[in-house]
Structure formats: C-alpha cells, structure tokens
C-alpha cells in the first residue's frame, strides 16, 4: 500500500468542483499560490429541466345545495322502490311478478338520482351509495324476473299446493313441478339454439 505525503493533495472525484485542485492558469503559472487570482468556479450542470413549475390545482366546483337536496330526495324514492320490490316479491303469483316491474322503475329512479347528484357536483357517500344501490337493484330485477321464464309451471305448482291436503300430495306436487319446470327450461333452451 502506498502512502501519500502530508503536503500532497489527493483529488476526490466525487467532491464538488470547488474542492478539486485546479491546474495553474497560463497567466499566473509562476506566481505564488496566495498571489494568484482564484479561478472562476465552474457551475454545476444546468438542472433547469428538473425544476418544474408548480402545477395549478383547480379548485373543486362547489356543491349546489339545492341540487344535493333534490338528489337526496330522489335517492330516498329509489330506496323505497327497491324495498317495495322486495316486499312484493313475497306475495303469491301472479302478484309477485310486479316485483320485477318495480325493480325496473327503481333502476330508472336510481339513474335519475345519480344524474342529479352529478349535476349538483355532490361528493361523498351519496354517489357511492347510489352506484352500489343501482348494482344491487339491477341484480334484484333480474332475479325477480326469472319466474317469468317458468310462469306456467309456477302457476300450476301453486294451484296444486292449494288443493294438496296431505304430505304425500304435496310431495307429488313438488315432483310434478320439477318435471314441468325442467320441460319448460329445455323448451326455452331448444328455442334459443334454433
């Protein structure tokens, strides 16, 4: 290992430019070190590309209080229609088929409430709850409309159960219902293929 004397200076390639020893200028080569004029310092490389101008942040559009209140009222109607659709689906056929119609009306009212909330620039939970409610209402409407595919079998099954007085008669109704429902589904599947 080689040691450097105390008076010798070693340049550090990682140090800023002002710490590196500079070769003597041509004009002052023979002058002593203290009489020499300091060499002009080289500035760091131009870093203007790194300096970004501050972005202008747009102010959020303020919420219209009247529009927000209107969207809230429409959202309440939407929730009531979905609830009514669920309650109507628990009634007997053919009245339970109105649940699908109420679900479709609820979907329309929910979309209307979402549009009004958007126009009023409502932020927060109302638009999120409306979007989630619309998704649930769409699934519910599809589920409530499924009995339309097997309506004949469902009506016959209900009539059979009304006249069945024993457990064996109810079991026979269930067997007949499954058979009729399977036939209707196969008929619908065959019609869809052709």
N, C-alpha and C. Protein backbone atom coordinates (compact mmCIF):
# COMPACT_ATOMS: atom_id res chain seq x y z
N UNK A 1 0.84 -1.16 0.00
CA UNK A 1 0.00 0.00 0.00
C UNK A 1 0.89 1.23 0.00
N UNK A 2 0.56 2.20 -0.80
CA UNK A 2 1.41 3.37 -0.95
C UNK A 2 0.81 4.54 -0.21
N UNK A 3 1.58 5.20 0.66
CA UNK A 3 1.11 6.35 1.42
C UNK A 3 1.54 7.63 0.72
N UNK A 4 0.68 8.62 0.79
CA UNK A 4 0.97 9.91 0.17
C UNK A 4 1.46 10.83 1.27
N UNK A 5 2.43 11.68 0.97
CA UNK A 5 2.99 12.60 1.98
C UNK A 5 1.95 13.56 2.51
N UNK A 6 2.28 14.23 3.62
CA UNK A 6 1.33 15.12 4.26
C UNK A 6 1.00 16.33 3.39
N UNK A 7 1.98 16.85 2.65
CA UNK A 7 1.76 18.06 1.87
C UNK A 7 1.08 17.79 0.53
N UNK A 8 1.05 16.55 0.10
CA UNK A 8 0.44 16.24 -1.19
C UNK A 8 -1.08 16.23 -1.05
N UNK A 9 -1.74 16.73 -2.08
CA UNK A 9 -3.21 16.74 -2.05
C UNK A 9 -3.73 15.73 -3.06
N UNK A 10 -4.68 14.97 -2.61
CA UNK A 10 -5.29 13.98 -3.48
C UNK A 10 -6.66 14.51 -3.87
N UNK A 11 -6.96 14.48 -5.15
CA UNK A 11 -8.26 14.98 -5.57
C UNK A 11 -9.33 13.92 -5.36
N UNK A 12 -10.48 14.38 -4.93
CA UNK A 12 -11.62 13.49 -4.71
C UNK A 12 -12.53 13.65 -5.92
N UNK A 13 -12.68 12.58 -6.73
CA UNK A 13 -13.51 12.73 -7.93
C UNK A 13 -14.99 12.91 -7.60
N UNK A 14 -15.40 12.58 -6.37
CA UNK A 14 -16.81 12.69 -6.01
C UNK A 14 -17.13 14.01 -5.31
N UNK A 15 -16.12 14.79 -5.00
CA UNK A 15 -16.33 16.06 -4.30
C UNK A 15 -16.84 17.09 -5.29
N UNK A 16 -17.54 18.13 -4.79
CA UNK A 16 -17.97 19.20 -5.69
C UNK A 16 -16.78 19.87 -6.34
N UNK A 17 -16.99 20.54 -7.45
CA UNK A 17 -15.86 21.10 -8.23
C UNK A 17 -14.96 22.03 -7.44
N UNK A 18 -15.46 22.80 -6.46
CA UNK A 18 -14.60 23.75 -5.77
C UNK A 18 -13.58 23.07 -4.86
N UNK A 19 -13.75 21.81 -4.50
CA UNK A 19 -12.79 21.12 -3.65
C UNK A 19 -11.67 20.45 -4.43
N UNK A 20 -11.78 20.35 -5.73
CA UNK A 20 -10.75 19.70 -6.53
C UNK A 20 -9.60 20.68 -6.77
N UNK A 21 -8.36 20.21 -6.73
CA UNK A 21 -7.24 21.10 -7.06
C UNK A 21 -7.30 21.46 -8.54
N UNK A 22 -7.02 22.71 -8.84
CA UNK A 22 -7.08 23.19 -10.22
C UNK A 22 -5.66 23.36 -10.75
N UNK A 23 -5.43 23.05 -11.99
CA UNK A 23 -4.11 23.29 -12.57
C UNK A 23 -3.87 24.80 -12.66
N UNK A 24 -2.66 25.24 -12.54
CA UNK A 24 -2.38 26.69 -12.61
C UNK A 24 -2.75 27.23 -13.97
N UNK A 25 -3.29 28.49 -13.96
CA UNK A 25 -3.64 29.17 -15.20
C UNK A 25 -2.37 29.54 -15.95
N UNK A 26 -2.48 29.75 -17.22
CA UNK A 26 -1.32 30.13 -18.03
C UNK A 26 -0.78 31.50 -17.63
N UNK A 27 -1.66 32.45 -17.22
CA UNK A 27 -1.20 33.80 -16.88
C UNK A 27 -0.46 33.83 -15.54
N UNK A 28 -0.86 33.03 -14.61
CA UNK A 28 -0.32 33.10 -13.26
C UNK A 28 0.48 31.85 -12.92
N UNK A 29 1.09 31.22 -13.89
CA UNK A 29 1.78 29.97 -13.63
C UNK A 29 2.95 30.14 -12.68
N UNK A 30 3.66 31.25 -12.77
CA UNK A 30 4.83 31.40 -11.91
C UNK A 30 4.54 32.10 -10.61
N UNK A 31 3.32 32.65 -10.40
CA UNK A 31 3.02 33.42 -9.20
C UNK A 31 2.80 32.49 -8.02
N UNK A 32 3.13 32.95 -6.81
CA UNK A 32 2.87 32.11 -5.65
C UNK A 32 1.37 31.87 -5.49
N UNK A 33 1.03 30.86 -4.72
CA UNK A 33 -0.36 30.44 -4.57
C UNK A 33 -1.23 31.53 -4.00
N UNK A 34 -0.72 32.34 -3.00
CA UNK A 34 -1.58 33.35 -2.41
C UNK A 34 -1.78 34.55 -3.32
N UNK A 35 -0.84 34.83 -4.31
CA UNK A 35 -0.98 35.96 -5.21
C UNK A 35 -1.88 35.65 -6.41
N UNK A 36 -2.15 34.40 -6.62
CA UNK A 36 -2.98 34.02 -7.78
C UNK A 36 -4.42 34.41 -7.56
N UNK A 37 -5.04 34.87 -8.59
CA UNK A 37 -6.48 35.16 -8.51
C UNK A 37 -7.22 33.83 -8.52
N UNK A 38 -8.25 33.75 -7.74
CA UNK A 38 -8.97 32.47 -7.74
C UNK A 38 -9.57 32.20 -9.11
N UNK A 39 -9.46 30.99 -9.53
CA UNK A 39 -10.01 30.60 -10.83
C UNK A 39 -11.53 30.64 -10.74
N UNK A 40 -12.14 31.05 -11.82
CA UNK A 40 -13.60 31.09 -11.77
C UNK A 40 -14.15 29.69 -11.58
N UNK A 41 -15.16 29.58 -10.71
CA UNK A 41 -15.73 28.26 -10.41
C UNK A 41 -16.68 27.86 -11.53
N UNK A 42 -16.58 26.61 -11.85
CA UNK A 42 -17.48 26.07 -12.85
C UNK A 42 -18.83 25.79 -12.17
N UNK A 43 -19.89 26.29 -12.71
CA UNK A 43 -21.20 25.99 -12.08
C UNK A 43 -21.56 24.52 -12.33
N UNK A 44 -22.44 24.06 -11.50
CA UNK A 44 -22.95 22.70 -11.69
C UNK A 44 -23.68 22.63 -13.02
N UNK A 45 -23.83 21.45 -13.55
CA UNK A 45 -24.56 21.36 -14.82
C UNK A 45 -25.96 21.95 -14.69
N UNK A 46 -26.44 22.45 -15.80
CA UNK A 46 -27.74 23.08 -15.81
C UNK A 46 -28.80 22.07 -15.40
N UNK A 47 -29.50 22.37 -14.34
CA UNK A 47 -30.54 21.47 -13.86
C UNK A 47 -31.92 22.10 -13.97
N UNK A 48 -32.06 22.98 -14.92
CA UNK A 48 -33.35 23.64 -15.07
C UNK A 48 -34.43 22.65 -15.51
N UNK A 49 -34.01 21.56 -16.13
CA UNK A 49 -35.01 20.58 -16.55
C UNK A 49 -35.65 19.91 -15.35
N UNK A 50 -34.96 19.90 -14.19
CA UNK A 50 -35.53 19.28 -13.00
C UNK A 50 -36.49 20.22 -12.29
N UNK A 51 -36.33 21.49 -12.49
CA UNK A 51 -37.20 22.43 -11.81
C UNK A 51 -38.52 22.50 -12.57
N UNK A 52 -39.54 22.14 -11.89
CA UNK A 52 -40.86 22.17 -12.52
C UNK A 52 -41.64 23.33 -11.95
N UNK A 53 -42.42 23.90 -12.80
CA UNK A 53 -43.26 24.98 -12.32
C UNK A 53 -44.39 24.37 -11.51
N UNK A 54 -44.79 25.01 -10.45
CA UNK A 54 -45.86 24.43 -9.64
C UNK A 54 -47.14 24.30 -10.45
N UNK A 55 -47.76 23.13 -10.32
CA UNK A 55 -49.00 22.90 -11.06
C UNK A 55 -50.10 23.76 -10.48
N UNK A 56 -50.90 24.23 -11.35
CA UNK A 56 -52.04 24.99 -10.88
C UNK A 56 -53.16 24.00 -10.56
N UNK A 57 -53.47 23.91 -9.29
CA UNK A 57 -54.52 22.99 -8.84
C UNK A 57 -55.86 23.67 -9.03
N UNK A 58 -56.73 22.98 -9.75
CA UNK A 58 -58.04 23.56 -9.97
C UNK A 58 -58.87 23.44 -8.71
N UNK A 59 -59.53 24.49 -8.41
CA UNK A 59 -60.42 24.48 -7.25
C UNK A 59 -61.60 23.56 -7.56
N UNK A 60 -62.02 22.70 -6.61
CA UNK A 60 -63.18 21.86 -6.88
C UNK A 60 -64.43 22.73 -7.01
N UNK A 61 -65.29 22.29 -7.91
CA UNK A 61 -66.53 23.03 -8.12
C UNK A 61 -67.40 22.85 -6.88
N UNK A 62 -67.90 23.93 -6.32
CA UNK A 62 -68.69 23.80 -5.10
C UNK A 62 -70.00 23.06 -5.35
N UNK A 63 -70.43 22.36 -4.33
CA UNK A 63 -71.67 21.59 -4.42
C UNK A 63 -72.86 22.53 -4.38
N UNK A 64 -73.80 22.27 -5.26
CA UNK A 64 -75.04 23.04 -5.27
C UNK A 64 -75.95 22.48 -4.17
N UNK A 65 -76.26 23.25 -3.12
CA UNK A 65 -77.05 22.70 -2.01
C UNK A 65 -78.46 22.27 -2.43
N UNK A 66 -79.09 23.05 -3.32
CA UNK A 66 -80.44 22.69 -3.76
C UNK A 66 -80.41 21.39 -4.57
N UNK A 67 -79.42 21.27 -5.46
CA UNK A 67 -79.30 20.05 -6.25
C UNK A 67 -78.98 18.84 -5.38
N UNK A 68 -78.15 19.05 -4.36
CA UNK A 68 -77.81 17.94 -3.45
C UNK A 68 -79.04 17.49 -2.68
N UNK A 69 -79.87 18.45 -2.23
CA UNK A 69 -81.09 18.10 -1.51
C UNK A 69 -82.06 17.36 -2.43
N UNK A 70 -82.14 17.82 -3.68
CA UNK A 70 -83.03 17.15 -4.65
C UNK A 70 -82.54 15.73 -4.92
N UNK A 71 -81.23 15.56 -5.08
CA UNK A 71 -80.68 14.21 -5.30
C UNK A 71 -80.95 13.31 -4.11
N UNK A 72 -80.88 13.86 -2.89
CA UNK A 72 -81.18 13.08 -1.69
C UNK A 72 -82.63 12.62 -1.66
N UNK A 73 -83.56 13.52 -2.06
CA UNK A 73 -84.98 13.13 -2.09
C UNK A 73 -85.23 12.03 -3.11
N UNK A 74 -84.62 12.17 -4.29
CA UNK A 74 -84.81 11.14 -5.33
C UNK A 74 -84.18 9.82 -4.87
N UNK A 75 -83.05 9.91 -4.18
CA UNK A 75 -82.40 8.68 -3.67
C UNK A 75 -83.30 7.98 -2.65
N UNK A 76 -84.05 8.74 -1.85
CA UNK A 76 -84.98 8.11 -0.90
C UNK A 76 -86.09 7.37 -1.64
N UNK A 77 -86.59 7.98 -2.72
CA UNK A 77 -87.60 7.30 -3.52
C UNK A 77 -87.03 6.02 -4.14
N UNK A 78 -85.80 6.10 -4.57
CA UNK A 78 -85.13 4.92 -5.13
C UNK A 78 -85.08 3.79 -4.09
N UNK A 79 -84.67 4.13 -2.87
CA UNK A 79 -84.59 3.11 -1.82
C UNK A 79 -85.96 2.53 -1.49
N UNK A 80 -86.99 3.38 -1.46
CA UNK A 80 -88.34 2.89 -1.17
C UNK A 80 -88.85 1.96 -2.27
N UNK A 81 -88.53 2.29 -3.52
CA UNK A 81 -88.97 1.42 -4.62
C UNK A 81 -88.28 0.06 -4.58
N UNK A 82 -86.99 0.05 -4.22
CA UNK A 82 -86.30 -1.24 -4.10
C UNK A 82 -86.90 -2.06 -2.97
N UNK A 83 -87.19 -1.41 -1.84
CA UNK A 83 -87.80 -2.11 -0.72
C UNK A 83 -89.19 -2.63 -1.08
N UNK A 84 -89.97 -1.82 -1.80
CA UNK A 84 -91.29 -2.26 -2.23
C UNK A 84 -91.19 -3.46 -3.17
N UNK A 85 -90.17 -3.45 -4.03
CA UNK A 85 -89.98 -4.58 -4.94
C UNK A 85 -89.68 -5.87 -4.16
N UNK A 86 -88.87 -5.75 -3.13
CA UNK A 86 -88.55 -6.93 -2.31
C UNK A 86 -89.80 -7.43 -1.60
N UNK A 87 -90.59 -6.51 -1.04
CA UNK A 87 -91.80 -6.93 -0.31
C UNK A 87 -92.84 -7.54 -1.24
N UNK A 88 -93.01 -6.97 -2.44
CA UNK A 88 -94.00 -7.50 -3.39
C UNK A 88 -93.57 -8.89 -3.88
N UNK A 89 -92.29 -9.16 -3.94
CA UNK A 89 -91.83 -10.47 -4.41
C UNK A 89 -92.24 -11.59 -3.46
N UNK A 90 -92.61 -11.26 -2.23
CA UNK A 90 -93.01 -12.28 -1.25
C UNK A 90 -94.49 -12.65 -1.36
N UNK A 91 -95.22 -11.96 -2.22
CA UNK A 91 -96.64 -12.28 -2.37
C UNK A 91 -96.82 -13.46 -3.32
N UNK A 92 -98.07 -13.88 -3.47
CA UNK A 92 -98.36 -15.02 -4.34
C UNK A 92 -98.33 -14.60 -5.81
N UNK A 93 -98.12 -15.60 -6.65
CA UNK A 93 -98.24 -15.38 -8.08
C UNK A 93 -99.68 -15.05 -8.40
N UNK A 94 -99.97 -14.26 -9.32
CA UNK A 94 -99.14 -13.52 -10.26
C UNK A 94 -98.70 -12.15 -9.72
N UNK A 95 -99.11 -11.83 -8.48
CA UNK A 95 -98.79 -10.50 -7.93
C UNK A 95 -97.28 -10.33 -7.72
N UNK A 96 -96.59 -11.42 -7.44
CA UNK A 96 -95.15 -11.31 -7.19
C UNK A 96 -94.37 -10.91 -8.45
N UNK A 97 -95.02 -11.07 -9.60
CA UNK A 97 -94.34 -10.65 -10.84
C UNK A 97 -94.19 -9.13 -10.92
N UNK A 98 -94.98 -8.41 -10.14
CA UNK A 98 -94.85 -6.95 -10.13
C UNK A 98 -93.52 -6.52 -9.51
N UNK A 99 -92.84 -7.42 -8.80
CA UNK A 99 -91.54 -7.09 -8.21
C UNK A 99 -90.52 -6.74 -9.28
N UNK A 100 -90.56 -7.45 -10.41
CA UNK A 100 -89.62 -7.16 -11.49
C UNK A 100 -89.91 -5.79 -12.09
N UNK A 101 -91.19 -5.45 -12.23
CA UNK A 101 -91.56 -4.14 -12.76
C UNK A 101 -91.13 -3.03 -11.80
N UNK A 102 -91.38 -3.23 -10.50
CA UNK A 102 -90.94 -2.24 -9.51
C UNK A 102 -89.42 -2.11 -9.50
N UNK A 103 -88.71 -3.22 -9.71
CA UNK A 103 -87.25 -3.17 -9.77
C UNK A 103 -86.76 -2.34 -10.95
N UNK A 104 -87.44 -2.47 -12.09
CA UNK A 104 -87.05 -1.68 -13.26
C UNK A 104 -87.34 -0.19 -13.05
N UNK A 105 -88.48 0.11 -12.41
CA UNK A 105 -88.78 1.50 -12.10
C UNK A 105 -87.74 2.05 -11.12
N UNK A 106 -87.35 1.23 -10.14
CA UNK A 106 -86.33 1.65 -9.18
C UNK A 106 -85.00 1.93 -9.89
N UNK A 107 -84.66 1.12 -10.87
CA UNK A 107 -83.43 1.37 -11.64
C UNK A 107 -83.48 2.72 -12.33
N UNK A 108 -84.60 3.03 -12.95
CA UNK A 108 -84.74 4.32 -13.62
C UNK A 108 -84.63 5.49 -12.65
N UNK A 109 -85.26 5.36 -11.49
CA UNK A 109 -85.20 6.43 -10.49
C UNK A 109 -83.78 6.56 -9.93
N UNK A 110 -83.10 5.42 -9.75
CA UNK A 110 -81.72 5.47 -9.26
C UNK A 110 -80.77 6.15 -10.23
N UNK A 111 -80.94 5.88 -11.52
CA UNK A 111 -80.11 6.55 -12.53
C UNK A 111 -80.40 8.04 -12.53
N UNK A 112 -81.66 8.40 -12.40
CA UNK A 112 -82.05 9.81 -12.34
C UNK A 112 -81.40 10.49 -11.13
N UNK A 113 -81.44 9.83 -9.97
CA UNK A 113 -80.82 10.40 -8.77
C UNK A 113 -79.32 10.57 -8.96
N UNK A 114 -78.67 9.61 -9.61
CA UNK A 114 -77.23 9.70 -9.85
C UNK A 114 -76.89 10.86 -10.79
N UNK A 115 -77.72 11.06 -11.81
CA UNK A 115 -77.51 12.17 -12.74
C UNK A 115 -77.68 13.51 -12.03
N UNK A 116 -78.72 13.62 -11.21
CA UNK A 116 -78.95 14.88 -10.47
C UNK A 116 -77.80 15.14 -9.51
N UNK A 117 -77.31 14.09 -8.84
CA UNK A 117 -76.18 14.25 -7.93
C UNK A 117 -74.93 14.69 -8.68
N UNK A 118 -74.73 14.17 -9.87
CA UNK A 118 -73.57 14.57 -10.67
C UNK A 118 -73.67 16.01 -11.14
N UNK A 119 -74.87 16.43 -11.53
CA UNK A 119 -75.05 17.81 -11.98
C UNK A 119 -74.88 18.80 -10.83
N UNK A 120 -75.20 18.37 -9.61
CA UNK A 120 -75.05 19.24 -8.44
C UNK A 120 -73.64 19.16 -7.85
N UNK A 121 -72.78 18.33 -8.46
CA UNK A 121 -71.39 18.15 -8.00
C UNK A 121 -71.34 17.67 -6.56
N UNK A 122 -72.21 16.70 -6.25
CA UNK A 122 -72.25 16.14 -4.91
C UNK A 122 -71.07 15.19 -4.75
N UNK A 123 -70.35 15.36 -3.65
CA UNK A 123 -69.24 14.46 -3.33
C UNK A 123 -69.57 13.76 -2.01
N UNK A 124 -68.88 12.67 -1.77
CA UNK A 124 -69.10 11.98 -0.50
C UNK A 124 -69.80 10.65 -0.72
N UNK A 125 -70.66 10.30 0.22
CA UNK A 125 -71.23 8.96 0.22
C UNK A 125 -72.44 8.80 -0.70
N UNK A 126 -73.16 9.89 -0.99
CA UNK A 126 -74.38 9.75 -1.79
C UNK A 126 -74.13 9.14 -3.16
N UNK A 127 -73.18 9.64 -3.97
CA UNK A 127 -72.97 9.00 -5.27
C UNK A 127 -72.49 7.55 -5.16
N UNK A 128 -71.68 7.27 -4.14
CA UNK A 128 -71.19 5.89 -3.97
C UNK A 128 -72.35 4.97 -3.61
N UNK A 129 -73.18 5.42 -2.68
CA UNK A 129 -74.33 4.59 -2.27
C UNK A 129 -75.30 4.39 -3.42
N UNK A 130 -75.48 5.42 -4.24
CA UNK A 130 -76.37 5.27 -5.39
C UNK A 130 -75.82 4.27 -6.39
N UNK A 131 -74.51 4.32 -6.63
CA UNK A 131 -73.91 3.37 -7.58
C UNK A 131 -74.04 1.94 -7.07
N UNK A 132 -73.78 1.73 -5.79
CA UNK A 132 -73.91 0.39 -5.22
C UNK A 132 -75.37 -0.04 -5.24
N UNK A 133 -76.27 0.87 -4.90
CA UNK A 133 -77.70 0.56 -4.93
C UNK A 133 -78.19 0.20 -6.32
N UNK A 134 -77.67 0.90 -7.34
CA UNK A 134 -78.06 0.57 -8.71
C UNK A 134 -77.61 -0.83 -9.10
N UNK A 135 -76.41 -1.19 -8.68
CA UNK A 135 -75.92 -2.53 -8.99
C UNK A 135 -76.80 -3.59 -8.32
N UNK A 136 -77.13 -3.38 -7.05
CA UNK A 136 -77.98 -4.33 -6.32
C UNK A 136 -79.37 -4.38 -6.94
N UNK A 137 -79.91 -3.21 -7.30
CA UNK A 137 -81.25 -3.18 -7.89
C UNK A 137 -81.27 -3.89 -9.25
N UNK A 138 -80.19 -3.78 -10.00
CA UNK A 138 -80.13 -4.47 -11.29
C UNK A 138 -80.13 -5.99 -11.08
N UNK A 139 -79.33 -6.45 -10.13
CA UNK A 139 -79.31 -7.90 -9.84
C UNK A 139 -80.67 -8.36 -9.34
N UNK A 140 -81.29 -7.55 -8.47
CA UNK A 140 -82.58 -7.93 -7.91
C UNK A 140 -83.65 -7.99 -9.01
N UNK A 141 -83.64 -7.04 -9.93
CA UNK A 141 -84.63 -7.03 -11.01
C UNK A 141 -84.49 -8.26 -11.89
N UNK A 142 -83.24 -8.65 -12.15
CA UNK A 142 -83.04 -9.86 -12.95
C UNK A 142 -83.55 -11.09 -12.21
N UNK A 143 -83.28 -11.15 -10.91
CA UNK A 143 -83.74 -12.30 -10.11
C UNK A 143 -85.25 -12.33 -10.01
N UNK A 144 -85.86 -11.16 -9.82
CA UNK A 144 -87.32 -11.10 -9.70
C UNK A 144 -88.01 -11.42 -11.02
N UNK A 145 -87.32 -11.22 -12.13
CA UNK A 145 -87.91 -11.51 -13.43
C UNK A 145 -87.74 -12.95 -13.88
N UNK A 146 -86.92 -13.73 -13.17
CA UNK A 146 -86.71 -15.13 -13.57
C UNK A 146 -87.98 -15.99 -13.56
N UNK A 147 -88.92 -15.80 -12.62
CA UNK A 147 -90.13 -16.63 -12.67
C UNK A 147 -90.94 -16.47 -13.95
N UNK A 148 -90.70 -15.40 -14.71
CA UNK A 148 -91.42 -15.26 -15.98
C UNK A 148 -91.06 -16.37 -16.95
N UNK A 149 -89.85 -16.93 -16.82
CA UNK A 149 -89.43 -18.00 -17.73
C UNK A 149 -90.19 -19.29 -17.48
N UNK A 150 -90.56 -19.52 -16.25
CA UNK A 150 -91.27 -20.76 -15.89
C UNK A 150 -92.63 -20.43 -15.27
N UNK A 151 -93.29 -19.44 -15.80
CA UNK A 151 -94.53 -18.96 -15.20
C UNK A 151 -95.62 -20.03 -15.19
N UNK A 152 -95.76 -20.76 -16.28
CA UNK A 152 -96.82 -21.79 -16.36
C UNK A 152 -96.60 -22.85 -15.29
N UNK A 153 -95.37 -23.32 -15.15
CA UNK A 153 -95.09 -24.36 -14.15
C UNK A 153 -95.28 -23.81 -12.73
N UNK A 154 -94.92 -22.56 -12.50
CA UNK A 154 -95.09 -21.99 -11.17
C UNK A 154 -96.57 -21.84 -10.81
N UNK A 155 -97.40 -21.40 -11.79
CA UNK A 155 -98.83 -21.26 -11.52
C UNK A 155 -99.48 -22.61 -11.27
N UNK A 156 -99.10 -23.63 -12.05
CA UNK A 156 -99.65 -24.97 -11.84
C UNK A 156 -99.22 -25.52 -10.47
N UNK A 157 -98.00 -25.27 -10.09
CA UNK A 157 -97.50 -25.74 -8.79
C UNK A 157 -98.25 -25.06 -7.64
N UNK A 158 -98.53 -23.80 -7.79
CA UNK A 158 -99.26 -23.08 -6.74
C UNK A 158 -100.69 -23.62 -6.63
N UNK A 159 -101.34 -23.89 -7.77
CA UNK A 159 -102.70 -24.44 -7.75
C UNK A 159 -102.70 -25.83 -7.13
N UNK A 160 -101.68 -26.62 -7.44
CA UNK A 160 -101.58 -27.98 -6.90
C UNK A 160 -101.40 -27.93 -5.38
N UNK A 161 -100.55 -27.02 -4.90
CA UNK A 161 -100.32 -26.91 -3.46
C UNK A 161 -101.56 -26.43 -2.72
N UNK A 162 -102.37 -25.59 -3.37
CA UNK A 162 -103.60 -25.11 -2.73
C UNK A 162 -104.58 -26.24 -2.48
N UNK A 163 -104.60 -27.24 -3.36
CA UNK A 163 -105.53 -28.36 -3.21
C UNK A 163 -104.92 -29.56 -2.50
N UNK A 164 -103.62 -29.55 -2.22
CA UNK A 164 -102.96 -30.68 -1.56
C UNK A 164 -103.20 -30.61 -0.06
N UNK A 165 -103.80 -31.69 0.49
CA UNK A 165 -104.11 -31.71 1.92
C UNK A 165 -103.15 -32.59 2.71
N UNK A 166 -102.47 -33.51 2.05
CA UNK A 166 -101.57 -34.43 2.76
C UNK A 166 -100.13 -34.17 2.33
N UNK A 167 -99.23 -34.77 3.11
CA UNK A 167 -97.80 -34.62 2.79
C UNK A 167 -97.47 -35.33 1.49
N UNK A 168 -98.09 -36.47 1.25
CA UNK A 168 -97.81 -37.20 0.01
C UNK A 168 -98.32 -36.41 -1.20
N UNK A 169 -99.44 -35.70 -1.05
CA UNK A 169 -99.96 -34.89 -2.15
C UNK A 169 -99.02 -33.71 -2.42
N UNK A 170 -98.47 -33.12 -1.36
CA UNK A 170 -97.52 -32.02 -1.54
C UNK A 170 -96.24 -32.52 -2.21
N UNK A 171 -95.82 -33.75 -1.86
CA UNK A 171 -94.63 -34.33 -2.50
C UNK A 171 -94.90 -34.59 -3.98
N UNK A 172 -96.12 -35.05 -4.29
CA UNK A 172 -96.48 -35.27 -5.70
C UNK A 172 -96.49 -33.95 -6.46
N UNK A 173 -96.96 -32.87 -5.81
CA UNK A 173 -96.96 -31.54 -6.44
C UNK A 173 -95.52 -31.10 -6.73
N UNK A 174 -94.63 -31.35 -5.78
CA UNK A 174 -93.23 -30.96 -5.96
C UNK A 174 -92.60 -31.72 -7.11
N UNK A 175 -92.91 -33.03 -7.21
CA UNK A 175 -92.35 -33.84 -8.30
C UNK A 175 -92.88 -33.37 -9.65
N UNK A 176 -94.19 -33.11 -9.70
CA UNK A 176 -94.80 -32.64 -10.95
C UNK A 176 -94.23 -31.27 -11.34
N UNK A 177 -93.99 -30.42 -10.33
CA UNK A 177 -93.45 -29.08 -10.58
C UNK A 177 -92.04 -29.16 -11.17
N UNK A 178 -91.21 -30.01 -10.59
CA UNK A 178 -89.84 -30.15 -11.10
C UNK A 178 -89.84 -30.67 -12.53
N UNK A 179 -90.74 -31.62 -12.81
CA UNK A 179 -90.82 -32.17 -14.17
C UNK A 179 -91.27 -31.10 -15.17
N UNK A 180 -92.31 -30.35 -14.82
CA UNK A 180 -92.83 -29.31 -15.73
C UNK A 180 -91.79 -28.19 -15.90
N UNK A 181 -91.13 -27.85 -14.83
CA UNK A 181 -90.13 -26.77 -14.93
C UNK A 181 -88.97 -27.20 -15.82
N UNK A 182 -88.54 -28.44 -15.67
CA UNK A 182 -87.44 -28.95 -16.50
C UNK A 182 -87.83 -28.95 -17.98
N UNK A 183 -89.08 -29.33 -18.26
CA UNK A 183 -89.55 -29.33 -19.65
C UNK A 183 -89.56 -27.91 -20.23
N UNK A 184 -90.01 -26.94 -19.42
CA UNK A 184 -90.04 -25.56 -19.92
C UNK A 184 -88.64 -25.02 -20.16
N UNK A 185 -87.72 -25.34 -19.28
CA UNK A 185 -86.34 -24.87 -19.46
C UNK A 185 -85.73 -25.50 -20.71
N UNK A 186 -86.00 -26.78 -20.94
CA UNK A 186 -85.48 -27.45 -22.14
C UNK A 186 -86.10 -26.85 -23.39
N UNK A 187 -87.40 -26.52 -23.32
CA UNK A 187 -88.07 -25.91 -24.46
C UNK A 187 -87.46 -24.53 -24.76
N UNK A 188 -87.21 -23.77 -23.70
CA UNK A 188 -86.58 -22.46 -23.90
C UNK A 188 -85.16 -22.59 -24.44
N UNK A 189 -84.42 -23.59 -23.93
CA UNK A 189 -83.06 -23.81 -24.43
C UNK A 189 -83.06 -24.25 -25.88
N UNK A 190 -84.01 -25.10 -26.27
CA UNK A 190 -84.11 -25.55 -27.65
C UNK A 190 -84.48 -24.41 -28.57
N UNK A 191 -85.38 -23.51 -28.12
CA UNK A 191 -85.76 -22.36 -28.93
C UNK A 191 -84.60 -21.38 -29.09
N UNK A 192 -83.75 -21.30 -28.06
CA UNK A 192 -82.61 -20.37 -28.13
C UNK A 192 -81.54 -20.89 -29.10
N UNK A 193 -81.40 -22.23 -29.15
CA UNK A 193 -80.38 -22.81 -30.05
C UNK A 193 -80.77 -22.68 -31.51
N UNK A 194 -82.10 -22.82 -31.81
CA UNK A 194 -82.52 -22.79 -33.22
C UNK A 194 -82.77 -21.40 -33.71
